[in-house]
């Protein structure tokens, strides 16, 4: 049987680790307590964080004990970014985000089984330190020379970096040390950009206690052009359905590039090696079928939103372009469709004619083009062909009393929202 590290490497979940042989032997010796941290810099996690949760699930399934840390303390500071200083959020706001993220991560791990995950908050121990005790008990183990050599710090020196962000590495190292002391945690995982923080924590534990601990980081998920995966034109792909609907989420993964879709399947899908290899073959030989994209979108949407919402998202995708019944869609899905096509809110109390509605929805450029679409048989309201060029919208034309979907031909779609 392959080792857990072999499986993680095949899944594309290992970018680097401390001594591989030592880590492999450590994982093979018996259940290991490990941790991954999430700083509450927003009310929701995004799909970049989901990679970390997939790693947690894989290790937990092999019998290891996860600690999921939500950074109530580090979230008040913020890990340094390459692009500049982070905004300091109010403590009350961060506390609310902590609660939200704790609830989110709980969905992806087993909290009750034989090796249950434990949720922890670094504010519990960080708040107990005074400035003097922190400098004496933690700061003395860190070399400023090494801290200055960290890539993110070196890049920020010219533009400037605050002492607050410069010191972030000490806080994360303290987390590793406290979890090692309290729970016997001997492995920290995280994204590749956390490598410096993780190795600093391992070094702090070695220098202060003599104990050897381990670190493992996942690759940053990227598109074929090397840019970070998880961004759309409108922003981050969140795992909170209030921020990114099941429909938008499913569509996003349906559009995965052929050159990367198998990599994403390995990370996010529970499918076997054989199933993924077969999907890789189909992608190479029959790319027009987009079998791997459909498998990916279905599997990750099932994981994040559930099977019911995934099926609703599939139905919405078909209905939007005339291959399904829009009236059968629930209100949440209809509103998600409207948002995705860039709906326009009607300002006037008088409802428009169909040609006017096509213009307002961004489907045609002018009323004359709208009239032409109707007379040529290419104008649709909620997937029903409109033949009367003088027809005016009525309140009954708005699905769930809110949204009217306009279409020209097969692919040009827009929407109007009734206040």
Protein backbone atom coordinates (compact mmCIF):
# COMPACT_ATOMS: atom_id res chain seq x y z
CA UNK A 1 0.00 0.00 0.00
CA UNK A 2 1.27 3.47 -0.85
CA UNK A 3 2.16 5.70 2.07
CA UNK A 4 -0.02 8.68 2.89
CA UNK A 5 2.67 10.94 1.42
CA UNK A 6 2.64 8.97 -1.84
CA UNK A 7 -1.11 9.50 -2.09
CA UNK A 8 -0.86 13.19 -1.22
CA UNK A 9 1.85 13.67 -3.84
CA UNK A 10 -0.24 11.92 -6.50
CA UNK A 11 -3.13 14.20 -5.57
CA UNK A 12 -0.91 17.23 -6.11
CA UNK A 13 -1.14 18.23 -2.46
CA UNK A 14 2.59 18.41 -1.69
CA UNK A 15 4.75 21.31 -2.86
CA UNK A 16 7.42 20.92 -0.18
CA UNK A 17 8.01 19.44 3.24
CA UNK A 18 10.62 19.20 5.91
CA UNK A 19 12.79 16.06 5.66
CA UNK A 20 10.56 13.76 3.59
CA UNK A 21 11.90 10.46 4.92
CA UNK A 22 11.57 11.63 8.50
CA UNK A 23 8.05 12.91 7.88
CA UNK A 24 7.01 9.69 6.12
CA UNK A 25 8.36 7.62 9.02
CA UNK A 26 6.62 9.91 11.53
CA UNK A 27 3.24 9.50 9.78
CA UNK A 28 3.74 5.72 9.59
CA UNK A 29 4.49 5.34 13.30
CA UNK A 30 0.93 6.01 14.36
CA UNK A 31 -1.67 8.76 14.59
CA UNK A 32 -0.09 12.20 14.29
CA UNK A 33 -1.68 15.40 15.58
CA UNK A 34 -1.34 18.10 12.96
CA UNK A 35 -2.74 21.59 12.42
CA UNK A 36 -3.63 24.07 9.74
CA UNK A 37 -4.55 27.70 10.37
CA UNK A 38 -7.11 30.02 8.82
CA UNK A 39 -6.90 33.74 9.48
CA UNK A 40 -10.30 35.49 9.48
CA UNK A 41 -9.59 38.23 6.94
CA UNK A 42 -13.16 37.94 5.60
CA UNK A 43 -16.44 36.37 6.67
CA UNK A 44 -15.93 33.38 4.39
CA UNK A 45 -13.22 31.06 3.14
CA UNK A 46 -12.58 30.75 -0.60
CA UNK A 47 -11.56 27.85 -2.81
CA UNK A 48 -7.87 28.43 -2.10
CA UNK A 49 -8.62 27.52 1.51
CA UNK A 50 -10.56 24.49 0.30
CA UNK A 51 -7.27 22.93 -0.83
CA UNK A 52 -6.13 22.95 2.80
CA UNK A 53 -9.37 21.33 3.91
CA UNK A 54 -8.91 18.57 1.31
CA UNK A 55 -5.48 17.87 2.78
CA UNK A 56 -7.00 17.77 6.27
CA UNK A 57 -9.65 15.31 5.11
CA UNK A 58 -7.04 13.07 3.49
CA UNK A 59 -4.93 12.93 6.65
CA UNK A 60 -7.93 12.44 8.91
CA UNK A 61 -9.15 9.55 6.75
CA UNK A 62 -5.76 7.89 7.34
CA UNK A 63 -6.31 8.11 11.11
CA UNK A 64 -4.45 11.31 11.98
CA UNK A 65 -5.81 13.96 14.36
CA UNK A 66 -6.56 17.42 12.91
CA UNK A 67 -6.44 20.71 14.76
CA UNK A 68 -8.16 23.48 12.81
CA UNK A 69 -6.97 26.83 14.07
CA UNK A 70 -8.98 29.96 13.40
CA UNK A 71 -6.76 32.95 14.06
CA UNK A 72 -8.66 35.25 16.35
CA UNK A 73 -5.30 36.82 17.26
CA UNK A 74 -3.36 36.62 13.98
CA UNK A 75 -6.48 37.78 12.13
CA UNK A 76 -6.13 41.10 13.95
CA UNK A 77 -2.65 41.52 12.43
CA UNK A 78 -2.58 39.83 9.03
CA UNK A 79 0.16 37.87 7.31
CA UNK A 80 2.29 40.26 5.21
CA UNK A 81 1.26 40.53 1.56
CA UNK A 82 3.63 41.16 -1.32
CA UNK A 83 1.55 44.12 -2.46
CA UNK A 84 1.40 46.21 0.69
CA UNK A 85 0.12 46.67 4.21
CA UNK A 86 -3.12 44.94 5.16
CA UNK A 87 -6.06 46.92 6.47
CA UNK A 88 -6.55 46.54 10.23
CA UNK A 89 -10.09 45.33 10.91
CA UNK A 90 -12.00 46.12 14.11
CA UNK A 91 -11.76 43.47 16.82
CA UNK A 92 -15.54 43.00 16.89
CA UNK A 93 -15.58 42.40 13.12
CA UNK A 94 -12.77 39.85 13.34
CA UNK A 95 -14.52 38.07 16.22
CA UNK A 96 -17.62 37.72 14.03
CA UNK A 97 -15.53 36.33 11.19
CA UNK A 98 -13.94 33.82 13.57
CA UNK A 99 -17.39 32.41 14.38
CA UNK A 100 -18.33 32.26 10.70
CA UNK A 101 -15.15 30.46 9.65
CA UNK A 102 -15.30 28.02 12.57
CA UNK A 103 -18.76 27.02 11.33
CA UNK A 104 -17.53 26.66 7.75
CA UNK A 105 -14.49 24.47 8.48
CA UNK A 106 -16.59 22.22 10.71
CA UNK A 107 -18.48 21.08 7.62
CA UNK A 108 -15.41 19.49 6.04
CA UNK A 109 -14.02 17.44 8.92
CA UNK A 110 -15.28 14.75 11.28
CA UNK A 111 -15.79 16.21 14.74
CA UNK A 112 -17.18 13.05 16.36
CA UNK A 113 -15.38 9.98 14.99
CA UNK A 114 -12.52 7.91 16.46
CA UNK A 115 -10.01 10.64 15.57
CA UNK A 116 -12.16 13.78 15.81
CA UNK A 117 -10.96 17.17 14.64
CA UNK A 118 -10.62 19.90 17.24
CA UNK A 119 -11.28 23.59 16.60
CA UNK A 120 -8.92 26.02 18.34
CA UNK A 121 -8.49 29.81 18.47
CA UNK A 122 -5.03 31.31 18.94
CA UNK A 123 -6.53 34.29 20.76
CA UNK A 124 -6.90 31.93 23.75
CA UNK A 125 -3.15 31.86 24.41
CA UNK A 126 -1.86 34.94 22.60
CA UNK A 127 -4.04 37.22 24.74
CA UNK A 128 -2.32 35.89 27.86
CA UNK A 129 1.07 37.33 26.85
CA UNK A 130 2.23 40.78 27.87
CA UNK A 131 4.54 42.68 25.54
CA UNK A 132 7.46 41.97 27.87
CA UNK A 133 6.79 38.25 28.19
CA UNK A 134 6.31 37.92 24.43
CA UNK A 135 9.62 39.63 23.71
CA UNK A 136 11.48 37.64 26.38
CA UNK A 137 9.91 34.20 25.87
CA UNK A 138 9.38 34.20 22.11
CA UNK A 139 11.31 37.04 20.49
CA UNK A 140 14.72 35.98 21.85
CA UNK A 141 14.64 32.83 19.69
CA UNK A 142 14.34 34.74 16.40
CA UNK A 143 17.16 36.25 14.38
CA UNK A 144 16.32 39.59 12.76
CA UNK A 145 18.77 38.70 9.98
CA UNK A 146 16.70 35.63 9.08
CA UNK A 147 13.46 37.55 9.35
CA UNK A 148 14.78 40.20 6.95
CA UNK A 149 15.76 37.49 4.47
CA UNK A 150 12.18 36.19 4.16
CA UNK A 151 10.98 36.78 0.62
CA UNK A 152 7.88 38.80 1.48
CA UNK A 153 9.83 41.01 3.91
CA UNK A 154 12.71 41.54 1.49
CA UNK A 155 10.27 42.63 -1.22
CA UNK A 156 8.45 45.00 1.11
CA UNK A 157 11.54 46.72 2.53
CA UNK A 158 11.66 49.26 -0.28
CA UNK A 159 7.98 50.22 -0.07
CA UNK A 160 7.87 49.77 3.69
CA UNK A 161 6.57 47.21 6.14
CA UNK A 162 5.24 47.88 9.62
CA UNK A 163 6.74 46.30 12.72
CA UNK A 164 3.32 44.73 13.25
CA UNK A 165 3.39 42.72 10.01
CA UNK A 166 7.13 42.13 10.30
CA UNK A 167 6.43 40.34 13.60
CA UNK A 168 3.64 38.12 12.25
CA UNK A 169 6.01 35.16 11.89
CA UNK A 170 6.55 35.18 15.67
CA UNK A 171 2.82 34.87 16.30
CA UNK A 172 2.40 31.92 13.93
CA UNK A 173 5.48 30.24 15.40
CA UNK A 174 3.99 30.68 18.85
CA UNK A 175 0.83 28.93 17.62
CA UNK A 176 2.81 25.87 16.52
CA UNK A 177 4.67 25.81 19.85
CA UNK A 178 1.48 26.14 21.91
CA UNK A 179 -0.31 23.41 19.98
CA UNK A 180 2.78 21.22 20.36
CA UNK A 181 2.77 21.82 24.10
CA UNK A 182 -0.99 21.47 24.63
CA UNK A 183 -1.89 18.69 22.22
CA UNK A 184 1.37 17.09 21.09
CA UNK A 185 0.99 18.62 17.61
CA UNK A 186 4.00 17.61 15.53
CA UNK A 187 3.03 18.69 11.99
CA UNK A 188 1.86 21.98 10.51
CA UNK A 189 0.35 22.15 7.03
CA UNK A 190 -0.53 25.13 4.88
CA UNK A 191 -0.25 26.69 1.45
CA UNK A 192 3.13 27.11 -0.22
CA UNK A 193 3.27 30.80 0.68
CA UNK A 194 3.29 29.75 4.35
CA UNK A 195 6.55 27.81 4.05
CA UNK A 196 8.62 30.49 5.78
CA UNK A 197 6.19 30.76 8.69
CA UNK A 198 5.98 26.98 9.09
CA UNK A 199 9.72 26.36 9.07
CA UNK A 200 10.22 29.29 11.46
CA UNK A 201 7.78 27.65 13.86
CA UNK A 202 9.54 24.29 13.59
CA UNK A 203 12.88 26.00 14.26
CA UNK A 204 11.42 27.87 17.25
CA UNK A 205 10.21 24.61 18.79
CA UNK A 206 13.59 22.94 18.20
CA UNK A 207 15.51 25.87 19.69
CA UNK A 208 13.22 26.30 22.70
CA UNK A 209 12.48 22.64 23.55
CA UNK A 210 14.82 20.44 21.53
CA UNK A 211 11.84 18.65 19.93
CA UNK A 212 11.71 17.88 16.21
CA UNK A 213 8.46 18.72 14.41
CA UNK A 214 7.49 18.72 10.75
CA UNK A 215 5.96 20.90 8.06
CA UNK A 216 4.19 20.27 4.74
CA UNK A 217 2.87 22.80 2.22
CA UNK A 218 0.52 22.47 -0.74
CA UNK A 219 1.08 24.15 -4.12
CA UNK A 220 -0.79 27.36 -4.83
CA UNK A 221 -3.59 26.45 -7.22
CA UNK A 222 -3.04 28.24 -10.52
CA UNK A 223 -4.52 28.51 -13.98
CA UNK A 224 -2.59 27.49 -17.09
CA UNK A 225 -1.19 31.03 -17.42
CA UNK A 226 0.23 30.87 -13.88
CA UNK A 227 -2.25 33.25 -12.25
CA UNK A 228 -3.92 32.23 -9.01
CA UNK A 229 -6.89 29.96 -9.45
CA UNK A 230 -10.05 31.03 -7.71
CA UNK A 231 -10.57 34.53 -9.08
CA UNK A 232 -13.30 35.58 -11.45
CA UNK A 233 -13.80 38.92 -13.11
CA UNK A 234 -16.08 39.88 -10.26
CA UNK A 235 -13.85 38.62 -7.46
CA UNK A 236 -13.10 35.63 -5.28
CA UNK A 237 -14.90 32.30 -5.55
CA UNK A 238 -16.22 31.90 -2.01
CA UNK A 239 -17.50 28.73 -0.37
CA UNK A 240 -20.29 30.72 1.29
CA UNK A 241 -23.45 30.32 -0.87
CA UNK A 242 -24.50 33.86 0.05
CA UNK A 243 -21.34 35.17 -1.66
CA UNK A 244 -20.97 32.71 -4.53
CA UNK A 245 -24.15 30.88 -5.52
CA UNK A 246 -24.20 27.16 -6.29
CA UNK A 247 -24.93 28.05 -9.92
CA UNK A 248 -21.95 30.42 -10.22
CA UNK A 249 -19.74 27.94 -8.37
CA UNK A 250 -20.73 25.06 -10.67
CA UNK A 251 -20.29 27.19 -13.79
CA UNK A 252 -16.86 28.32 -12.65
CA UNK A 253 -15.55 24.77 -12.51
CA UNK A 254 -17.30 23.77 -15.74
CA UNK A 255 -15.02 26.34 -17.39
CA UNK A 256 -11.79 24.77 -16.10
CA UNK A 257 -9.05 24.57 -18.71
CA UNK A 258 -8.28 21.22 -20.33
CA UNK A 259 -4.62 21.54 -19.37
CA UNK A 260 -5.45 21.91 -15.66
CA UNK A 261 -8.75 20.09 -15.06
CA UNK A 262 -7.14 16.75 -14.12
CA UNK A 263 -4.95 18.51 -11.57
CA UNK A 264 -8.05 20.05 -10.00
CA UNK A 265 -9.87 16.71 -10.01
CA UNK A 266 -7.03 15.09 -8.09
CA UNK A 267 -7.23 17.80 -5.44
CA UNK A 268 -10.98 18.21 -5.06
CA UNK A 269 -12.58 14.93 -6.11
CA UNK A 270 -12.79 11.67 -4.13
CA UNK A 271 -12.63 9.67 -7.38
CA UNK A 272 -10.13 6.82 -7.58
CA UNK A 273 -6.88 6.81 -9.53
CA UNK A 274 -8.53 4.66 -12.19
CA UNK A 275 -11.52 6.97 -12.60
CA UNK A 276 -9.34 10.06 -12.88
CA UNK A 277 -6.99 8.32 -15.33
CA UNK A 278 -10.01 7.49 -17.51
CA UNK A 279 -11.17 11.11 -17.38
CA UNK A 280 -7.65 12.18 -18.36
CA UNK A 281 -7.85 9.87 -21.37
CA UNK A 282 -11.21 11.31 -22.39
CA UNK A 283 -9.89 14.86 -22.03
CA UNK A 284 -6.94 14.03 -24.31
CA UNK A 285 -8.93 12.10 -26.92
CA UNK A 286 -12.41 13.67 -26.74
CA UNK A 287 -11.96 17.15 -25.27
CA UNK A 288 -15.22 18.43 -26.79
CA UNK A 289 -17.19 16.19 -24.41
CA UNK A 290 -15.68 18.03 -21.40
CA UNK A 291 -16.22 14.91 -19.29
CA UNK A 292 -13.55 15.89 -16.76
CA UNK A 293 -15.00 19.39 -16.36
CA UNK A 294 -18.46 17.98 -15.66
CA UNK A 295 -17.04 15.51 -13.16
CA UNK A 296 -15.05 18.25 -11.43
CA UNK A 297 -17.94 20.72 -11.28
CA UNK A 298 -20.32 18.06 -9.97
CA UNK A 299 -17.94 16.68 -7.33
CA UNK A 300 -16.78 19.99 -5.87
CA UNK A 301 -20.29 21.51 -5.93
CA UNK A 302 -21.63 18.40 -4.17
CA UNK A 303 -18.93 18.89 -1.53
CA UNK A 304 -19.48 22.62 -0.95
CA UNK A 305 -23.18 23.14 -1.70
CA UNK A 306 -24.70 19.66 -1.56
CA UNK A 307 -26.27 17.41 -4.17
CA UNK A 308 -29.65 19.18 -4.17
CA UNK A 309 -28.13 22.58 -4.93
CA UNK A 310 -25.81 21.08 -7.53
CA UNK A 311 -28.75 19.55 -9.37
CA UNK A 312 -30.54 22.89 -9.21
CA UNK A 313 -27.42 24.56 -10.65
CA UNK A 314 -27.32 22.05 -13.52
CA UNK A 315 -31.01 22.62 -14.23
CA UNK A 316 -30.46 26.38 -14.19
CA UNK A 317 -27.61 26.12 -16.67
CA UNK A 318 -29.82 24.21 -19.09
CA UNK A 319 -32.87 26.42 -18.56
CA UNK A 320 -30.94 29.64 -19.07
CA UNK A 321 -30.35 28.77 -22.71
CA UNK A 322 -33.74 27.28 -23.46
CA UNK A 323 -33.07 23.62 -22.64
CA UNK A 324 -35.13 23.52 -19.46
CA UNK A 325 -38.07 25.01 -17.58
CA UNK A 326 -37.21 28.32 -15.93
CA UNK A 327 -40.49 28.27 -14.01
CA UNK A 328 -39.35 25.10 -12.23
CA UNK A 329 -36.32 26.82 -10.68
CA UNK A 330 -36.44 27.98 -7.08
CA UNK A 331 -36.17 31.65 -6.16
CA UNK A 332 -32.55 31.43 -4.97
CA UNK A 333 -31.43 29.86 -8.24
CA UNK A 334 -33.35 32.35 -10.37
CA UNK A 335 -31.74 35.24 -8.50
CA UNK A 336 -28.33 33.63 -8.97
CA UNK A 337 -28.95 33.40 -12.72
CA UNK A 338 -29.91 37.07 -12.82
CA UNK A 339 -26.77 38.04 -10.95
CA UNK A 340 -24.54 36.00 -13.25
CA UNK A 341 -25.90 37.54 -16.45
CA UNK A 342 -25.65 41.07 -15.00
CA UNK A 343 -29.28 41.93 -14.41
CA UNK A 344 -30.56 45.50 -14.63
CA UNK A 345 -32.96 46.79 -11.99
CA UNK A 346 -36.01 48.55 -13.42
CA UNK A 347 -36.25 52.11 -12.18
CA UNK A 348 -39.47 53.18 -13.90
CA UNK A 349 -42.91 52.29 -12.57
CA UNK A 350 -44.06 51.63 -16.15
CA UNK A 351 -42.92 48.24 -17.43
CA UNK A 352 -41.14 48.29 -20.82
CA UNK A 353 -42.13 46.76 -24.13
CA UNK A 354 -40.19 43.70 -25.25
CA UNK A 355 -37.84 45.70 -27.55
CA UNK A 356 -37.22 48.16 -24.70
CA UNK A 357 -36.69 45.29 -22.26
CA UNK A 358 -34.12 43.70 -24.57
CA UNK A 359 -32.19 46.99 -24.59
CA UNK A 360 -32.40 47.45 -20.81
CA UNK A 361 -31.21 43.87 -20.25
CA UNK A 362 -28.20 44.46 -22.49
CA UNK A 363 -29.30 41.87 -25.03
CA UNK A 364 -29.48 44.33 -27.97
CA UNK A 365 -28.04 47.79 -28.50
CA UNK A 366 -31.15 49.67 -29.60
CA UNK A 367 -34.93 49.51 -29.70
CA UNK A 368 -34.81 49.06 -33.48
CA UNK A 369 -32.51 46.03 -32.97
CA UNK A 370 -34.97 44.78 -30.36
CA UNK A 371 -37.91 45.15 -32.76
CA UNK A 372 -35.89 43.33 -35.42
CA UNK A 373 -35.14 40.46 -33.02
CA UNK A 374 -38.88 40.06 -32.37
CA UNK A 375 -39.95 40.22 -36.02
CA UNK A 376 -37.21 37.76 -37.04
CA UNK A 377 -38.35 35.28 -34.37
CA UNK A 378 -35.24 35.50 -32.22
CA UNK A 379 -36.58 37.21 -29.06
CA UNK A 380 -37.45 35.20 -25.96
CA UNK A 381 -38.95 36.10 -22.60
CA UNK A 382 -38.37 33.42 -19.95
CA UNK A 383 -37.61 30.99 -22.82
CA UNK A 384 -40.92 31.70 -24.57
CA UNK A 385 -40.68 33.19 -28.06
CA UNK A 386 -42.20 36.66 -28.30
CA UNK A 387 -43.99 37.48 -31.58
CA UNK A 388 -45.79 40.73 -30.71
CA UNK A 389 -43.44 43.66 -31.12
CA UNK A 390 -45.77 45.88 -29.08
CA UNK A 391 -46.06 43.45 -26.18
CA UNK A 392 -45.34 45.06 -22.82
CA UNK A 393 -44.02 43.20 -19.78
CA UNK A 394 -46.46 42.55 -16.93
CA UNK A 395 -45.77 41.71 -13.27
CA UNK A 396 -46.65 38.08 -14.08
CA UNK A 397 -43.64 37.90 -16.42
CA UNK A 398 -41.25 38.14 -13.48
CA UNK A 399 -40.25 34.76 -12.08
CA UNK A 400 -40.98 34.61 -8.34
CA UNK A 401 -42.16 38.21 -8.75
CA UNK A 402 -38.58 39.43 -9.23
CA UNK A 403 -36.69 38.34 -12.36
CA UNK A 404 -37.46 38.36 -16.09
CA UNK A 405 -34.93 36.64 -18.34
CA UNK A 406 -34.51 37.98 -21.88
CA UNK A 407 -32.73 36.15 -24.67
CA UNK A 408 -31.86 36.84 -28.30
CA UNK A 409 -31.09 33.77 -30.34
CA UNK A 410 -29.42 30.89 -28.54
CA UNK A 411 -26.67 32.55 -26.52
CA UNK A 412 -27.25 36.26 -25.80
CA UNK A 413 -28.93 36.47 -22.40
CA UNK A 414 -29.83 39.27 -20.00
CA UNK A 415 -32.22 39.88 -17.12
CA UNK A 416 -34.39 42.53 -15.52
CA UNK A 417 -35.15 42.77 -11.82
CA UNK A 418 -38.44 44.22 -10.65
CA UNK A 419 -38.12 46.32 -7.50
